[in-house]
Amino acid sequence: MSKVINRWLIIYIILWQNLLFGECSISSKEEAIKLYKQAIKIDNISKELNLLEKSLNSCYSPEINIQISLIKGDIAYDKKEYKSAKNY
C-alpha cells in the first residue's frame, strides 16, 4: 500500500510543478489535470486506469504514461501473469 501512495505522491508533486503537461495547449492541459485529479482520488484500479488514459490522451505526458504502465504491471502481477508484468 505504501509504495502505491509514494508513487502517487511523486507524480502529484511533479504535476504541480507543471512538468507533466508542459507541451500542451491550455485547454488540453486543464482537461488532463482535471482527469488526473479525479484518478488519484479513486480507489477502483480499473476506473483509475481509465481516467489516467483519458488524461494521457488529452495531453501527452511521459510521467503519466509511466504511471499507466506501472499500474498495468501491478494488475498483471496480481493475476500471476509474471511475464506480462515484467514487460510493463
C-alpha atoms as a PDB file:
ATOM      1  CA  MET A   1       0.000   0.000   0.000  1.00  0.00           C
ATOM      2  CA  SER A   2       2.725   2.499   0.893  1.00  0.00           C
ATOM      3  CA  LYS A   3       4.576   2.014  -2.409  1.00  0.00           C
ATOM      4  CA  VAL A   4       1.401   2.996  -4.275  1.00  0.00           C
ATOM      5  CA  ILE A   5       0.931   6.066  -2.093  1.00  0.00           C
ATOM      6  CA  ASN A   6       4.584   7.048  -2.541  1.00  0.00           C
ATOM      7  CA  ARG A   7       4.308   6.638  -6.318  1.00  0.00           C
ATOM      8  CA  TRP A   8       1.192   8.831  -6.407  1.00  0.00           C
ATOM      9  CA  LEU A   9       2.823  11.427  -4.187  1.00  0.00           C
ATOM     10  CA  ILE A  10       5.793  11.709  -6.524  1.00  0.00           C
ATOM     11  CA  ILE A  11       3.592  12.016  -9.589  1.00  0.00           C
ATOM     12  CA  TYR A  12       1.339  14.525  -7.820  1.00  0.00           C
ATOM     13  CA  ILE A  13       4.296  16.730  -6.865  1.00  0.00           C
ATOM     14  CA  ILE A  14       5.640  16.670 -10.402  1.00  0.00           C
ATOM     15  CA  LEU A  15       2.206  17.584 -11.715  1.00  0.00           C
ATOM     16  CA  TRP A  16       2.020  20.716  -9.631  1.00  0.00           C
ATOM     17  CA  GLN A  17       5.461  21.765 -10.740  1.00  0.00           C
ATOM     18  CA  ASN A  18       3.875  21.939 -14.188  1.00  0.00           C
ATOM     19  CA  LEU A  19       6.352  19.483 -15.657  1.00  0.00           C
ATOM     20  CA  LEU A  20       3.832  16.844 -16.682  1.00  0.00           C
ATOM     21  CA  PHE A  21       1.858  18.750 -19.247  1.00  0.00           C
ATOM     22  CA  GLY A  22       4.286  21.365 -20.478  1.00  0.00           C
ATOM     23  CA  GLU A  23       3.833  20.903 -24.235  1.00  0.00           C
ATOM     24  CA  CYS A  24       0.020  21.166 -24.497  1.00  0.00           C
ATOM     25  CA  SER A  25      -2.500  23.890 -25.113  1.00  0.00           C
ATOM     26  CA  ILE A  26      -4.034  25.472 -22.043  1.00  0.00           C
ATOM     27  CA  SER A  27      -7.420  23.801 -22.547  1.00  0.00           C
ATOM     28  CA  SER A  28      -5.852  20.367 -23.127  1.00  0.00           C
ATOM     29  CA  LYS A  29      -3.644  20.830 -20.089  1.00  0.00           C
ATOM     30  CA  GLU A  30      -6.609  21.828 -17.919  1.00  0.00           C
ATOM     31  CA  GLU A  31      -8.589  18.774 -19.053  1.00  0.00           C
ATOM     32  CA  ALA A  32      -5.628  16.468 -18.413  1.00  0.00           C
ATOM     33  CA  ILE A  33      -5.093  17.902 -14.929  1.00  0.00           C
ATOM     34  CA  LYS A  34      -8.813  17.571 -14.114  1.00  0.00           C
ATOM     35  CA  LEU A  35      -8.799  13.910 -15.182  1.00  0.00           C
ATOM     36  CA  TYR A  36      -5.581  13.263 -13.272  1.00  0.00           C
ATOM     37  CA  LYS A  37      -7.043  14.759 -10.090  1.00  0.00           C
ATOM     38  CA  GLN A  38     -10.081  12.507 -10.442  1.00  0.00           C
ATOM     39  CA  ALA A  39      -7.866   9.460 -10.998  1.00  0.00           C
ATOM     40  CA  ILE A  40      -5.819   9.938  -7.849  1.00  0.00           C
ATOM     41  CA  LYS A  41      -8.969  10.108  -5.712  1.00  0.00           C
ATOM     42  CA  ILE A  42     -10.436   6.801  -6.950  1.00  0.00           C
ATOM     43  CA  ASP A  43      -9.935   3.506  -5.146  1.00  0.00           C
ATOM     44  CA  ASN A  44     -11.086   1.382  -8.088  1.00  0.00           C
ATOM     45  CA  ILE A  45      -7.994   0.462 -10.125  1.00  0.00           C
ATOM     46  CA  SER A  46      -9.821  -0.007 -13.433  1.00  0.00           C
ATOM     47  CA  LYS A  47     -11.569   3.386 -13.155  1.00  0.00           C
ATOM     48  CA  GLU A  48      -8.286   4.957 -12.108  1.00  0.00           C
ATOM     49  CA  LEU A  49      -6.525   3.451 -15.125  1.00  0.00           C
ATOM     50  CA  ASN A  50      -9.310   4.628 -17.424  1.00  0.00           C
ATOM     51  CA  LEU A  51      -9.057   8.221 -16.160  1.00  0.00           C
ATOM     52  CA  LEU A  52      -5.265   8.201 -16.455  1.00  0.00           C
ATOM     53  CA  GLU A  53      -5.535   7.020 -20.044  1.00  0.00           C
ATOM     54  CA  LYS A  54      -8.037   9.799 -20.793  1.00  0.00           C
ATOM     55  CA  SER A  55      -5.663  12.285 -19.167  1.00  0.00           C
ATOM     56  CA  LEU A  56      -2.838  10.997 -21.331  1.00  0.00           C
ATOM     57  CA  ASN A  57      -4.996  11.331 -24.441  1.00  0.00           C
ATOM     58  CA  SER A  58      -5.878  14.920 -23.541  1.00  0.00           C
ATOM     59  CA  CYS A  59      -2.266  15.935 -23.154  1.00  0.00           C
ATOM     60  CA  TYR A  60       0.669  13.564 -23.539  1.00  0.00           C
ATOM     61  CA  SER A  61       2.905  13.230 -20.529  1.00  0.00           C
ATOM     62  CA  PRO A  62       5.735  10.699 -20.252  1.00  0.00           C
ATOM     63  CA  GLU A  63       5.219  10.592 -16.490  1.00  0.00           C
ATOM     64  CA  ILE A  64       1.540   9.667 -16.820  1.00  0.00           C
ATOM     65  CA  ASN A  65       2.449   7.099 -19.467  1.00  0.00           C
ATOM     66  CA  ILE A  66       4.895   5.548 -16.987  1.00  0.00           C
ATOM     67  CA  GLN A  67       2.235   5.577 -14.264  1.00  0.00           C
ATOM     68  CA  ILE A  68      -0.176   3.726 -16.562  1.00  0.00           C
ATOM     69  CA  SER A  69       2.481   1.113 -17.311  1.00  0.00           C
ATOM     70  CA  LEU A  70       3.194   0.648 -13.604  1.00  0.00           C
ATOM     71  CA  ILE A  71      -0.478   0.104 -12.849  1.00  0.00           C
ATOM     72  CA  LYS A  72      -0.836  -2.357 -15.715  1.00  0.00           C
ATOM     73  CA  GLY A  73       2.232  -4.171 -14.428  1.00  0.00           C
ATOM     74  CA  ASP A  74       0.737  -4.326 -10.928  1.00  0.00           C
ATOM     75  CA  ILE A  75      -2.513  -5.719 -12.323  1.00  0.00           C
ATOM     76  CA  ALA A  76      -0.666  -8.374 -14.337  1.00  0.00           C
ATOM     77  CA  TYR A  77       1.427  -9.300 -11.298  1.00  0.00           C
ATOM     78  CA  ASP A  78      -1.675  -9.661  -9.120  1.00  0.00           C
ATOM     79  CA  LYS A  79      -3.081 -12.024 -11.764  1.00  0.00           C
ATOM     80  CA  LYS A  80       0.191 -14.004 -11.594  1.00  0.00           C
ATOM     81  CA  GLU A  81       0.933 -13.059 -15.203  1.00  0.00           C
ATOM     82  CA  TYR A  82       4.575 -12.504 -14.397  1.00  0.00           C
ATOM     83  CA  LYS A  83       5.826 -12.311 -17.988  1.00  0.00           C
ATOM     84  CA  SER A  84       3.349  -9.535 -18.817  1.00  0.00           C
ATOM     85  CA  ALA A  85       4.096  -7.766 -15.539  1.00  0.00           C
ATOM     86  CA  LYS A  86       7.796  -7.761 -16.385  1.00  0.00           C
ATOM     87  CA  ASN A  87       7.103  -6.248 -19.802  1.00  0.00           C
ATOM     88  CA  TYR A  88       5.205  -3.350 -18.285  1.00  0.00           C
END
